[in-house]
PDB file of N, CA and C in Angstrom:
ATOM      1  N   MET A   1     -19.848   9.008   2.051  1.00  0.00           N
ATOM      2  CA  MET A   1     -19.468  10.243   2.711  1.00  0.00           C
ATOM      3  C   MET A   1     -20.466  10.553   3.824  1.00  0.00           C
ATOM      4  N   ILE A   2     -19.956  10.944   4.969  1.00  0.00           N
ATOM      5  CA  ILE A   2     -20.780  11.294   6.112  1.00  0.00           C
ATOM      6  C   ILE A   2     -21.157  12.768   6.003  1.00  0.00           C
ATOM      7  N   LYS A   3     -22.384  13.077   6.351  1.00  0.00           N
ATOM      8  CA  LYS A   3     -22.845  14.466   6.335  1.00  0.00           C
ATOM      9  C   LYS A   3     -21.918  15.318   7.203  1.00  0.00           C
ATOM     10  N   GLY A   4     -21.481  16.447   6.666  1.00  0.00           N
ATOM     11  CA  GLY A   4     -20.630  17.336   7.439  1.00  0.00           C
ATOM     12  C   GLY A   4     -19.197  17.381   6.960  1.00  0.00           C
ATOM     13  N   GLY A   5     -18.874  16.768   5.843  1.00  0.00           N
ATOM     14  CA  GLY A   5     -17.546  16.907   5.273  1.00  0.00           C
ATOM     15  C   GLY A   5     -16.582  15.774   5.520  1.00  0.00           C
ATOM     16  N   TYR A   6     -17.010  14.712   6.149  1.00  0.00           N
ATOM     17  CA  TYR A   6     -16.127  13.570   6.383  1.00  0.00           C
ATOM     18  C   TYR A   6     -16.356  12.503   5.313  1.00  0.00           C
ATOM     19  N   MET A   7     -15.285  11.836   4.896  1.00  0.00           N
ATOM     20  CA  MET A   7     -15.383  10.774   3.898  1.00  0.00           C
ATOM     21  C   MET A   7     -15.866   9.465   4.522  1.00  0.00           C
ATOM     22  N   GLY A   8     -15.618   9.277   5.799  1.00  0.00           N
ATOM     23  CA  GLY A   8     -16.162   8.119   6.491  1.00  0.00           C
ATOM     24  C   GLY A   8     -15.192   6.987   6.756  1.00  0.00           C
ATOM     25  N   LYS A   9     -13.922   7.148   6.365  1.00  0.00           N
ATOM     26  CA  LYS A   9     -12.974   6.068   6.672  1.00  0.00           C
ATOM     27  C   LYS A   9     -11.560   6.609   6.846  1.00  0.00           C
ATOM     28  N   ILE A  10     -10.769   5.827   7.560  1.00  0.00           N
ATOM     29  CA  ILE A  10      -9.353   6.130   7.737  1.00  0.00           C
ATOM     30  C   ILE A  10      -8.548   4.920   7.291  1.00  0.00           C
ATOM     31  N   LEU A  11      -7.273   5.138   7.083  1.00  0.00           N
ATOM     32  CA  LEU A  11      -6.360   4.084   6.678  1.00  0.00           C
ATOM     33  C   LEU A  11      -5.509   3.726   7.887  1.00  0.00           C
ATOM     34  N   ARG A  12      -5.506   2.457   8.290  1.00  0.00           N
ATOM     35  CA  ARG A  12      -4.703   2.011   9.425  1.00  0.00           C
ATOM     36  C   ARG A  12      -3.534   1.191   8.893  1.00  0.00           C
ATOM     37  N   VAL A  13      -2.320   1.658   9.189  1.00  0.00           N
ATOM     38  CA  VAL A  13      -1.099   1.003   8.737  1.00  0.00           C
ATOM     39  C   VAL A  13      -0.420   0.379   9.953  1.00  0.00           C
ATOM     40  N   ASP A  14      -0.239  -0.932   9.937  1.00  0.00           N
ATOM     41  CA  ASP A  14       0.438  -1.640  11.026  1.00  0.00           C
ATOM     42  C   ASP A  14       1.785  -2.124  10.501  1.00  0.00           C
ATOM     43  N   LEU A  15       2.854  -1.508  10.985  1.00  0.00           N
ATOM     44  CA  LEU A  15       4.188  -1.841  10.500  1.00  0.00           C
ATOM     45  C   LEU A  15       4.677  -3.181  11.031  1.00  0.00           C
ATOM     46  N   THR A  16       4.203  -3.604  12.195  1.00  0.00           N
ATOM     47  CA  THR A  16       4.604  -4.886  12.761  1.00  0.00           C
ATOM     48  C   THR A  16       4.002  -6.039  11.983  1.00  0.00           C
ATOM     49  N   LYS A  17       2.700  -5.964  11.721  1.00  0.00           N
ATOM     50  CA  LYS A  17       2.004  -7.030  10.983  1.00  0.00           C
ATOM     51  C   LYS A  17       2.123  -6.871   9.471  1.00  0.00           C
ATOM     52  N   GLU A  18       2.651  -5.723   9.034  1.00  0.00           N
ATOM     53  CA  GLU A  18       2.770  -5.394   7.613  1.00  0.00           C
ATOM     54  C   GLU A  18       1.413  -5.441   6.910  1.00  0.00           C
ATOM     55  N   THR A  19       0.429  -4.764   7.525  1.00  0.00           N
ATOM     56  CA  THR A  19      -0.919  -4.716   6.956  1.00  0.00           C
ATOM     57  C   THR A  19      -1.372  -3.272   6.782  1.00  0.00           C
ATOM     58  N   VAL A  20      -2.261  -3.083   5.833  1.00  0.00           N
ATOM     59  CA  VAL A  20      -2.914  -1.804   5.595  1.00  0.00           C
ATOM     60  C   VAL A  20      -4.398  -2.106   5.460  1.00  0.00           C
ATOM     61  N   GLU A  21      -5.231  -1.455   6.294  1.00  0.00           N
ATOM     62  CA  GLU A  21      -6.661  -1.739   6.296  1.00  0.00           C
ATOM     63  C   GLU A  21      -7.472  -0.450   6.340  1.00  0.00           C
ATOM     64  N   ASP A  22      -8.641  -0.493   5.700  1.00  0.00           N
ATOM     65  CA  ASP A  22      -9.613   0.590   5.836  1.00  0.00           C
ATOM     66  C   ASP A  22     -10.393   0.388   7.127  1.00  0.00           C
ATOM     67  N   GLU A  23     -10.743   1.486   7.767  1.00  0.00           N
ATOM     68  CA  GLU A  23     -11.517   1.428   9.008  1.00  0.00           C
ATOM     69  C   GLU A  23     -12.537   2.551   8.988  1.00  0.00           C
ATOM     70  N   ALA A  24     -13.742   2.262   9.409  1.00  0.00           N
ATOM     71  CA  ALA A  24     -14.799   3.277   9.432  1.00  0.00           C
ATOM     72  C   ALA A  24     -14.558   4.276  10.551  1.00  0.00           C
ATOM     73  N   LEU A  25     -14.956   5.509  10.308  1.00  0.00           N
ATOM     74  CA  LEU A  25     -14.898   6.531  11.348  1.00  0.00           C
ATOM     75  C   LEU A  25     -15.961   6.238  12.405  1.00  0.00           C
ATOM     76  N   PRO A  26     -15.798   6.809  13.598  1.00  0.00           N
ATOM     77  CA  PRO A  26     -16.845   6.651  14.615  1.00  0.00           C
ATOM     78  C   PRO A  26     -18.159   7.263  14.139  1.00  0.00           C
ATOM     79  N   ASN A  27     -19.199   7.056  14.922  1.00  0.00           N
ATOM     80  CA  ASN A  27     -20.520   7.574  14.530  1.00  0.00           C
ATOM     81  C   ASN A  27     -20.550   9.107  14.539  1.00  0.00           C
ATOM     82  N   GLU A  28     -21.624   9.649  14.014  1.00  0.00           N
ATOM     83  CA  GLU A  28     -21.746  11.098  13.833  1.00  0.00           C
ATOM     84  C   GLU A  28     -21.716  11.864  15.150  1.00  0.00           C
ATOM     85  N   ASP A  29     -22.213  11.267  16.236  1.00  0.00           N
ATOM     86  CA  ASP A  29     -22.177  11.938  17.534  1.00  0.00           C
ATOM     87  C   ASP A  29     -20.738  12.182  17.987  1.00  0.00           C
ATOM     88  N   VAL A  30     -19.869  11.204  17.777  1.00  0.00           N
ATOM     89  CA  VAL A  30     -18.452  11.346  18.138  1.00  0.00           C
ATOM     90  C   VAL A  30     -17.796  12.415  17.267  1.00  0.00           C
ATOM     91  N   LEU A  31     -18.111  12.424  15.980  1.00  0.00           N
ATOM     92  CA  LEU A  31     -17.536  13.419  15.078  1.00  0.00           C
ATOM     93  C   LEU A  31     -17.964  14.833  15.449  1.00  0.00           C
ATOM     94  N   ARG A  32     -19.166  14.990  15.965  1.00  0.00           N
ATOM     95  CA  ARG A  32     -19.622  16.313  16.409  1.00  0.00           C
ATOM     96  C   ARG A  32     -18.952  16.723  17.723  1.00  0.00           C
ATOM     97  N   LYS A  33     -18.673  15.753  18.572  1.00  0.00           N
ATOM     98  CA  LYS A  33     -18.055  16.048  19.863  1.00  0.00           C
ATOM     99  C   LYS A  33     -16.578  16.410  19.712  1.00  0.00           C
ATOM    100  N   TYR A  34     -15.875  15.722  18.816  1.00  0.00           N
ATOM    101  CA  TYR A  34     -14.449  15.959  18.579  1.00  0.00           C
ATOM    102  C   TYR A  34     -14.280  16.558  17.189  1.00  0.00           C
ATOM    103  N   VAL A  35     -14.633  17.815  17.044  1.00  0.00           N
ATOM    104  CA  VAL A  35     -14.684  18.470  15.739  1.00  0.00           C
ATOM    105  C   VAL A  35     -13.278  18.655  15.179  1.00  0.00           C
ATOM    106  N   GLY A  36     -13.140  18.383  13.889  1.00  0.00           N
ATOM    107  CA  GLY A  36     -11.904  18.651  13.183  1.00  0.00           C
ATOM    108  C   GLY A  36     -10.877  17.549  13.308  1.00  0.00           C
ATOM    109  N   GLY A  37      -9.813  17.702  12.546  1.00  0.00           N
ATOM    110  CA  GLY A  37      -8.777  16.689  12.503  1.00  0.00           C
ATOM    111  C   GLY A  37      -8.023  16.536  13.808  1.00  0.00           C
ATOM    112  N   THR A  38      -7.695  17.642  14.454  1.00  0.00           N
ATOM    113  CA  THR A  38      -6.933  17.575  15.696  1.00  0.00           C
ATOM    114  C   THR A  38      -7.736  16.916  16.807  1.00  0.00           C
ATOM    115  N   GLY A  39      -8.981  17.309  16.973  1.00  0.00           N
ATOM    116  CA  GLY A  39      -9.824  16.719  18.018  1.00  0.00           C
ATOM    117  C   GLY A  39     -10.035  15.234  17.825  1.00  0.00           C
ATOM    118  N   LEU A  40     -10.302  14.829  16.597  1.00  0.00           N
ATOM    119  CA  LEU A  40     -10.518  13.415  16.315  1.00  0.00           C
ATOM    120  C   LEU A  40      -9.231  12.610  16.504  1.00  0.00           C
ATOM    121  N   ALA A  41      -8.103  13.176  16.100  1.00  0.00           N
ATOM    122  CA  ALA A  41      -6.828  12.478  16.275  1.00  0.00           C
ATOM    123  C   ALA A  41      -6.500  12.283  17.754  1.00  0.00           C
ATOM    124  N   TYR A  42      -6.740  13.311  18.569  1.00  0.00           N
ATOM    125  CA  TYR A  42      -6.517  13.170  20.007  1.00  0.00           C
ATOM    126  C   TYR A  42      -7.433  12.114  20.610  1.00  0.00           C
ATOM    127  N   LYS A  43      -8.650  12.003  20.132  1.00  0.00           N
ATOM    128  CA  LYS A  43      -9.557  10.973  20.633  1.00  0.00           C
ATOM    129  C   LYS A  43      -8.998   9.586  20.347  1.00  0.00           C
ATOM    130  N   TYR A  44      -8.529   9.365  19.115  1.00  0.00           N
ATOM    131  CA  TYR A  44      -7.931   8.072  18.784  1.00  0.00           C
ATOM    132  C   TYR A  44      -6.711   7.792  19.653  1.00  0.00           C
ATOM    133  N   LEU A  45      -5.855   8.782  19.853  1.00  0.00           N
ATOM    134  CA  LEU A  45      -4.657   8.592  20.672  1.00  0.00           C
ATOM    135  C   LEU A  45      -5.037   8.250  22.110  1.00  0.00           C
ATOM    136  N   TYR A  46      -6.000   8.968  22.661  1.00  0.00           N
ATOM    137  CA  TYR A  46      -6.439   8.728  24.034  1.00  0.00           C
ATOM    138  C   TYR A  46      -7.066   7.340  24.188  1.00  0.00           C
ATOM    139  N   ASP A  47      -7.858   6.917  23.213  1.00  0.00           N
ATOM    140  CA  ASP A  47      -8.544   5.627  23.294  1.00  0.00           C
ATOM    141  C   ASP A  47      -7.612   4.438  23.074  1.00  0.00           C
ATOM    142  N   GLU A  48      -6.568   4.595  22.282  1.00  0.00           N
ATOM    143  CA  GLU A  48      -5.767   3.449  21.855  1.00  0.00           C
ATOM    144  C   GLU A  48      -4.397   3.315  22.524  1.00  0.00           C
ATOM    145  N   VAL A  49      -3.891   4.376  23.136  1.00  0.00           N
ATOM    146  CA  VAL A  49      -2.540   4.331  23.688  1.00  0.00           C
ATOM    147  C   VAL A  49      -2.581   4.538  25.203  1.00  0.00           C
ATOM    148  N   PRO A  50      -2.178   3.522  25.981  1.00  0.00           N
ATOM    149  CA  PRO A  50      -2.146   3.678  27.437  1.00  0.00           C
ATOM    150  C   PRO A  50      -1.088   4.699  27.857  1.00  0.00           C
ATOM    151  N   PRO A  51      -1.234   5.317  29.029  1.00  0.00           N
ATOM    152  CA  PRO A  51      -0.281   6.341  29.484  1.00  0.00           C
ATOM    153  C   PRO A  51       1.150   5.824  29.677  1.00  0.00           C
ATOM    154  N   SER A  52       1.324   4.534  29.873  1.00  0.00           N
ATOM    155  CA  SER A  52       2.663   3.988  30.130  1.00  0.00           C
ATOM    156  C   SER A  52       3.497   3.798  28.865  1.00  0.00           C
ATOM    157  N   ILE A  53       2.933   4.020  27.703  1.00  0.00           N
ATOM    158  CA  ILE A  53       3.628   3.789  26.439  1.00  0.00           C
ATOM    159  C   ILE A  53       4.595   4.939  26.138  1.00  0.00           C
ATOM    160  N   GLU A  54       5.797   4.577  25.696  1.00  0.00           N
ATOM    161  CA  GLU A  54       6.799   5.563  25.288  1.00  0.00           C
ATOM    162  C   GLU A  54       6.605   5.931  23.812  1.00  0.00           C
ATOM    163  N   PRO A  55       7.115   7.078  23.365  1.00  0.00           N
ATOM    164  CA  PRO A  55       6.886   7.526  21.987  1.00  0.00           C
ATOM    165  C   PRO A  55       7.323   6.547  20.899  1.00  0.00           C
ATOM    166  N   LEU A  56       8.397   5.820  21.098  1.00  0.00           N
ATOM    167  CA  LEU A  56       8.901   4.925  20.055  1.00  0.00           C
ATOM    168  C   LEU A  56       8.508   3.462  20.253  1.00  0.00           C
ATOM    169  N   ASP A  57       7.633   3.182  21.214  1.00  0.00           N
ATOM    170  CA  ASP A  57       7.141   1.817  21.413  1.00  0.00           C
ATOM    171  C   ASP A  57       6.255   1.405  20.243  1.00  0.00           C
ATOM    172  N   PRO A  58       6.205   0.106  19.913  1.00  0.00           N
ATOM    173  CA  PRO A  58       5.326  -0.359  18.835  1.00  0.00           C
ATOM    174  C   PRO A  58       3.842  -0.102  19.100  1.00  0.00           C
ATOM    175  N   GLU A  59       3.454   0.042  20.358  1.00  0.00           N
ATOM    176  CA  GLU A  59       2.058   0.297  20.692  1.00  0.00           C
ATOM    177  C   GLU A  59       1.682   1.767  20.521  1.00  0.00           C
ATOM    178  N   SER A  60       2.665   2.616  20.285  1.00  0.00           N
ATOM    179  CA  SER A  60       2.402   4.035  20.086  1.00  0.00           C
ATOM    180  C   SER A  60       1.733   4.260  18.732  1.00  0.00           C
ATOM    181  N   ARG A  61       1.228   5.452  18.517  1.00  0.00           N
ATOM    182  CA  ARG A  61       0.548   5.784  17.270  1.00  0.00           C
ATOM    183  C   ARG A  61       1.074   7.104  16.725  1.00  0.00           C
ATOM    184  N   LEU A  62       1.081   7.202  15.411  1.00  0.00           N
ATOM    185  CA  LEU A  62       1.331   8.445  14.693  1.00  0.00           C
ATOM    186  C   LEU A  62       0.075   8.673  13.866  1.00  0.00           C
ATOM    187  N   ILE A  63      -0.669   9.724  14.174  1.00  0.00           N
ATOM    188  CA  ILE A  63      -1.999   9.903  13.595  1.00  0.00           C
ATOM    189  C   ILE A  63      -2.039  11.178  12.759  1.00  0.00           C
ATOM    190  N   LEU A  64      -2.331  11.021  11.476  1.00  0.00           N
ATOM    191  CA  LEU A  64      -2.535  12.152  10.566  1.00  0.00           C
ATOM    192  C   LEU A  64      -4.028  12.229  10.297  1.00  0.00           C
ATOM    193  N   MET A  65      -4.618  13.393  10.514  1.00  0.00           N
ATOM    194  CA  MET A  65      -6.071  13.495  10.361  1.00  0.00           C
ATOM    195  C   MET A  65      -6.452  14.804   9.680  1.00  0.00           C
ATOM    196  N   ASN A  66      -7.385  14.709   8.753  1.00  0.00           N
ATOM    197  CA  ASN A  66      -7.953  15.874   8.076  1.00  0.00           C
ATOM    198  C   ASN A  66      -9.173  16.373   8.826  1.00  0.00           C
ATOM    199  N   GLY A  67      -9.473  17.640   8.644  1.00  0.00           N
ATOM    200  CA  GLY A  67     -10.712  18.197   9.156  1.00  0.00           C
ATOM    201  C   GLY A  67     -11.800  18.135   8.098  1.00  0.00           C
ATOM    202  N   PRO A  68     -13.014  18.500   8.451  1.00  0.00           N
ATOM    203  CA  PRO A  68     -14.124  18.406   7.498  1.00  0.00           C
ATOM    204  C   PRO A  68     -14.038  19.377   6.318  1.00  0.00           C
ATOM    205  N   LEU A  69     -13.312  20.472   6.447  1.00  0.00           N
ATOM    206  CA  LEU A  69     -13.199  21.422   5.342  1.00  0.00           C
ATOM    207  C   LEU A  69     -12.044  21.112   4.397  1.00  0.00           C
ATOM    208  N   THR A  70     -11.183  20.189   4.764  1.00  0.00           N
ATOM    209  CA  THR A  70     -10.040  19.851   3.925  1.00  0.00           C
ATOM    210  C   THR A  70     -10.506  19.368   2.556  1.00  0.00           C
ATOM    211  N   GLY A  71      -9.848  19.868   1.516  1.00  0.00           N
ATOM    212  CA  GLY A  71     -10.183  19.459   0.161  1.00  0.00           C
ATOM    213  C   GLY A  71     -11.323  20.235  -0.463  1.00  0.00           C
ATOM    214  N   THR A  72     -11.830  21.234   0.247  1.00  0.00           N
ATOM    215  CA  THR A  72     -12.900  22.074  -0.310  1.00  0.00           C
ATOM    216  C   THR A  72     -12.283  23.352  -0.871  1.00  0.00           C
ATOM    217  N   MET A  73     -13.097  24.204  -1.422  1.00  0.00           N
ATOM    218  CA  MET A  73     -12.629  25.469  -1.966  1.00  0.00           C
ATOM    219  C   MET A  73     -12.468  26.549  -0.889  1.00  0.00           C
ATOM    220  N   TRP A  74     -12.765  26.224   0.358  1.00  0.00           N
ATOM    221  CA  TRP A  74     -12.642  27.187   1.443  1.00  0.00           C
ATOM    222  C   TRP A  74     -11.173  27.612   1.566  1.00  0.00           C
ATOM    223  N   PRO A  75     -10.893  28.917   1.710  1.00  0.00           N
ATOM    224  CA  PRO A  75      -9.500  29.372   1.780  1.00  0.00           C
ATOM    225  C   PRO A  75      -8.733  28.763   2.959  1.00  0.00           C
ATOM    226  N   CYS A  76      -7.515  28.381   2.719  1.00  0.00           N
ATOM    227  CA  CYS A  76      -6.588  27.849   3.739  1.00  0.00           C
ATOM    228  C   CYS A  76      -7.101  26.566   4.393  1.00  0.00           C
ATOM    229  N   SER A  77      -7.901  25.791   3.686  1.00  0.00           N
ATOM    230  CA  SER A  77      -8.481  24.591   4.297  1.00  0.00           C
ATOM    231  C   SER A  77      -7.696  23.320   4.009  1.00  0.00           C
ATOM    232  N   SER A  78      -6.646  23.392   3.227  1.00  0.00           N
ATOM    233  CA  SER A  78      -5.870  22.182   2.918  1.00  0.00           C
ATOM    234  C   SER A  78      -4.819  21.967   4.000  1.00  0.00           C
ATOM    235  N   ARG A  79      -5.283  21.587   5.176  1.00  0.00           N
ATOM    236  CA  ARG A  79      -4.427  21.384   6.341  1.00  0.00           C
ATOM    237  C   ARG A  79      -4.690  20.009   6.929  1.00  0.00           C
ATOM    238  N   TYR A  80      -3.668  19.467   7.587  1.00  0.00           N
ATOM    239  CA  TYR A  80      -3.832  18.219   8.320  1.00  0.00           C
ATOM    240  C   TYR A  80      -3.151  18.356   9.667  1.00  0.00           C
ATOM    241  N   SER A  81      -3.559  17.530  10.607  1.00  0.00           N
ATOM    242  CA  SER A  81      -2.963  17.499  11.939  1.00  0.00           C
ATOM    243  C   SER A  81      -2.201  16.200  12.103  1.00  0.00           C
ATOM    244  N   LEU A  82      -1.059  16.277  12.733  1.00  0.00           N
ATOM    245  CA  LEU A  82      -0.258  15.105  13.067  1.00  0.00           C
ATOM    246  C   LEU A  82      -0.180  15.045  14.586  1.00  0.00           C
ATOM    247  N   VAL A  83      -0.770  14.019  15.185  1.00  0.00           N
ATOM    248  CA  VAL A  83      -0.829  13.889  16.642  1.00  0.00           C
ATOM    249  C   VAL A  83      -0.025  12.664  17.044  1.00  0.00           C
ATOM    250  N   HIS A  84       0.741  12.791  18.125  1.00  0.00           N
ATOM    251  CA  HIS A  84       1.643  11.730  18.569  1.00  0.00           C
ATOM    252  C   HIS A  84       1.947  11.913  20.050  1.00  0.00           C
ATOM    253  N   ILE A  85       2.610  10.926  20.638  1.00  0.00           N
ATOM    254  CA  ILE A  85       3.090  11.077  22.008  1.00  0.00           C
ATOM    255  C   ILE A  85       4.335  11.953  21.950  1.00  0.00           C
ATOM    256  N   ASN A  86       4.399  12.936  22.812  1.00  0.00           N
ATOM    257  CA  ASN A  86       5.483  13.908  22.789  1.00  0.00           C
ATOM    258  C   ASN A  86       6.748  13.316  23.409  1.00  0.00           C
ATOM    259  N   PRO A  87       7.856  13.231  22.651  1.00  0.00           N
ATOM    260  CA  PRO A  87       9.088  12.672  23.215  1.00  0.00           C
ATOM    261  C   PRO A  87       9.809  13.632  24.160  1.00  0.00           C
ATOM    262  N   ASP A  88       9.515  14.928  24.073  1.00  0.00           N
ATOM    263  CA  ASP A  88      10.203  15.915  24.910  1.00  0.00           C
ATOM    264  C   ASP A  88       9.630  16.029  26.316  1.00  0.00           C
ATOM    265  N   TYR A  89       8.324  15.795  26.446  1.00  0.00           N
ATOM    266  CA  TYR A  89       7.673  15.910  27.739  1.00  0.00           C
ATOM    267  C   TYR A  89       6.983  14.594  28.053  1.00  0.00           C
ATOM    268  N   PRO A  90       7.452  13.861  29.049  1.00  0.00           N
ATOM    269  CA  PRO A  90       6.855  12.554  29.364  1.00  0.00           C
ATOM    270  C   PRO A  90       5.360  12.650  29.664  1.00  0.00           C
ATOM    271  N   LYS A  91       4.646  11.633  29.238  1.00  0.00           N
ATOM    272  CA  LYS A  91       3.208  11.489  29.498  1.00  0.00           C
ATOM    273  C   LYS A  91       2.381  12.627  28.905  1.00  0.00           C
ATOM    274  N   SER A  92       2.795  13.146  27.767  1.00  0.00           N
ATOM    275  CA  SER A  92       2.025  14.190  27.116  1.00  0.00           C
ATOM    276  C   SER A  92       1.938  13.906  25.619  1.00  0.00           C
ATOM    277  N   ALA A  93       1.005  14.564  24.979  1.00  0.00           N
ATOM    278  CA  ALA A  93       0.829  14.402  23.540  1.00  0.00           C
ATOM    279  C   ALA A  93       1.183  15.714  22.858  1.00  0.00           C
ATOM    280  N   GLY A  94       1.574  15.591  21.612  1.00  0.00           N
ATOM    281  CA  GLY A  94       1.908  16.781  20.849  1.00  0.00           C
ATOM    282  C   GLY A  94       1.216  16.739  19.506  1.00  0.00           C
ATOM    283  N   ASN A  95       1.125  17.884  18.869  1.00  0.00           N
ATOM    284  CA  ASN A  95       0.568  17.894  17.525  1.00  0.00           C
ATOM    285  C   ASN A  95       1.288  18.911  16.671  1.00  0.00           C
ATOM    286  N   SER A  96       1.242  18.662  15.405  1.00  0.00           N
ATOM    287  CA  SER A  96       1.808  19.554  14.405  1.00  0.00           C
ATOM    288  C   SER A  96       0.751  19.763  13.340  1.00  0.00           C
ATOM    289  N   GLN A  97       0.879  20.846  12.617  1.00  0.00           N
ATOM    290  CA  GLN A  97      -0.038  21.138  11.520  1.00  0.00           C
ATOM    291  C   GLN A  97       0.771  21.219  10.238  1.00  0.00           C
ATOM    292  N   GLY A  98       0.215  20.714   9.171  1.00  0.00           N
ATOM    293  CA  GLY A  98       0.877  20.771   7.875  1.00  0.00           C
ATOM    294  C   GLY A  98      -0.088  21.231   6.804  1.00  0.00           C
ATOM    295  N   GLY A  99       0.473  21.743   5.741  1.00  0.00           N
ATOM    296  CA  GLY A  99      -0.361  22.217   4.645  1.00  0.00           C
ATOM    297  C   GLY A  99       0.180  21.733   3.315  1.00  0.00           C
ATOM    298  N   GLY A 100      -0.336  22.293   2.267  1.00  0.00           N
ATOM    299  CA  GLY A 100       0.075  21.885   0.930  1.00  0.00           C
ATOM    300  C   GLY A 100      -0.971  20.991   0.300  1.00  0.00           C
ATOM    301  N   PHE A 101      -0.532  20.150  -0.623  1.00  0.00           N
ATOM    302  CA  PHE A 101      -1.462  19.321  -1.379  1.00  0.00           C
ATOM    303  C   PHE A 101      -1.771  17.985  -0.701  1.00  0.00           C
ATOM    304  N   PHE A 102      -0.949  17.557   0.271  1.00  0.00           N
ATOM    305  CA  PHE A 102      -1.109  16.225   0.852  1.00  0.00           C
ATOM    306  C   PHE A 102      -2.494  16.016   1.457  1.00  0.00           C
ATOM    307  N   ALA A 103      -2.947  16.957   2.269  1.00  0.00           N
ATOM    308  CA  ALA A 103      -4.238  16.798   2.955  1.00  0.00           C
ATOM    309  C   ALA A 103      -5.393  16.686   1.974  1.00  0.00           C
ATOM    310  N   ALA A 104      -5.409  17.550   0.973  1.00  0.00           N
ATOM    311  CA  ALA A 104      -6.485  17.510  -0.019  1.00  0.00           C
ATOM    312  C   ALA A 104      -6.441  16.222  -0.830  1.00  0.00           C
ATOM    313  N   LYS A 105      -5.254  15.779  -1.208  1.00  0.00           N
ATOM    314  CA  LYS A 105      -5.127  14.534  -1.980  1.00  0.00           C
ATOM    315  C   LYS A 105      -5.593  13.335  -1.151  1.00  0.00           C
ATOM    316  N   LEU A 106      -5.287  13.341   0.142  1.00  0.00           N
ATOM    317  CA  LEU A 106      -5.747  12.266   1.023  1.00  0.00           C
ATOM    318  C   LEU A 106      -7.274  12.249   1.087  1.00  0.00           C
ATOM    319  N   LYS A 107      -7.886  13.410   1.213  1.00  0.00           N
ATOM    320  CA  LYS A 107      -9.344  13.503   1.279  1.00  0.00           C
ATOM    321  C   LYS A 107      -9.964  13.076  -0.044  1.00  0.00           C
ATOM    322  N   TRP A 108      -9.394  13.504  -1.155  1.00  0.00           N
ATOM    323  CA  TRP A 108      -9.931  13.145  -2.473  1.00  0.00           C
ATOM    324  C   TRP A 108      -9.747  11.662  -2.767  1.00  0.00           C
ATOM    325  N   ALA A 109      -8.789  11.016  -2.082  1.00  0.00           N
ATOM    326  CA  ALA A 109      -8.607   9.571  -2.236  1.00  0.00           C
ATOM    327  C   ALA A 109      -9.635   8.803  -1.404  1.00  0.00           C
ATOM    328  N   GLY A 110     -10.431   9.521  -0.599  1.00  0.00           N
ATOM    329  CA  GLY A 110     -11.502   8.887   0.155  1.00  0.00           C
ATOM    330  C   GLY A 110     -11.203   8.650   1.625  1.00  0.00           C
ATOM    331  N   TYR A 111     -10.128   9.232   2.147  1.00  0.00           N
ATOM    332  CA  TYR A 111      -9.735   8.999   3.530  1.00  0.00           C
ATOM    333  C   TYR A 111      -9.718  10.298   4.330  1.00  0.00           C
ATOM    334  N   ASP A 112     -10.120  10.178   5.587  1.00  0.00           N
ATOM    335  CA  ASP A 112     -10.057  11.317   6.494  1.00  0.00           C
ATOM    336  C   ASP A 112      -8.766  11.323   7.292  1.00  0.00           C
ATOM    337  N   GLY A 113      -8.028  10.243   7.283  1.00  0.00           N
ATOM    338  CA  GLY A 113      -6.781  10.214   8.024  1.00  0.00           C
ATOM    339  C   GLY A 113      -6.041   8.902   7.876  1.00  0.00           C
ATOM    340  N   ILE A 114      -4.853   8.874   8.491  1.00  0.00           N
ATOM    341  CA  ILE A 114      -3.999   7.693   8.502  1.00  0.00           C
ATOM    342  C   ILE A 114      -3.516   7.491   9.922  1.00  0.00           C
ATOM    343  N   ILE A 115      -3.611   6.256  10.422  1.00  0.00           N
ATOM    344  CA  ILE A 115      -3.048   5.907  11.715  1.00  0.00           C
ATOM    345  C   ILE A 115      -1.927   4.900  11.468  1.00  0.00           C
ATOM    346  N   VAL A 116      -0.715   5.260  11.906  1.00  0.00           N
ATOM    347  CA  VAL A 116       0.452   4.381  11.751  1.00  0.00           C
ATOM    348  C   VAL A 116       0.802   3.843  13.125  1.00  0.00           C
ATOM    349  N   GLN A 117       0.957   2.534  13.214  1.00  0.00           N
ATOM    350  CA  GLN A 117       1.321   1.880  14.462  1.00  0.00           C
ATOM    351  C   GLN A 117       2.329   0.775  14.181  1.00  0.00           C
ATOM    352  N   GLY A 118       2.944   0.262  15.244  1.00  0.00           N
ATOM    353  CA  GLY A 118       3.864  -0.869  15.074  1.00  0.00           C
ATOM    354  C   GLY A 118       5.303  -0.455  15.048  1.00  0.00           C
TER     355      GLY A 118
END
């Protein structure tokens, strides 16, 4: 576990290659710069998806990310962010927020997020 509430790894699912792999989170400086699930998810989207990619292309990403407070006793902290390329507005990204038990269960399983590609 990384100091500050992060578990230290994400799950990368590649539907084209049919693989599932653990991947380490970036270093602590990056985590401080892109605080929370939404900021970190946007960083991954910006770094991995070129602007010419369409929402349903195999090179696109669907990124679910927890924040550092997810899974704690802090009120209303069981939230996750879903970041993706926006199909309604070309060349833009969109995000959604979700709640319930999924985010906390993902964190308790040892993951800060899931990146789906392919």
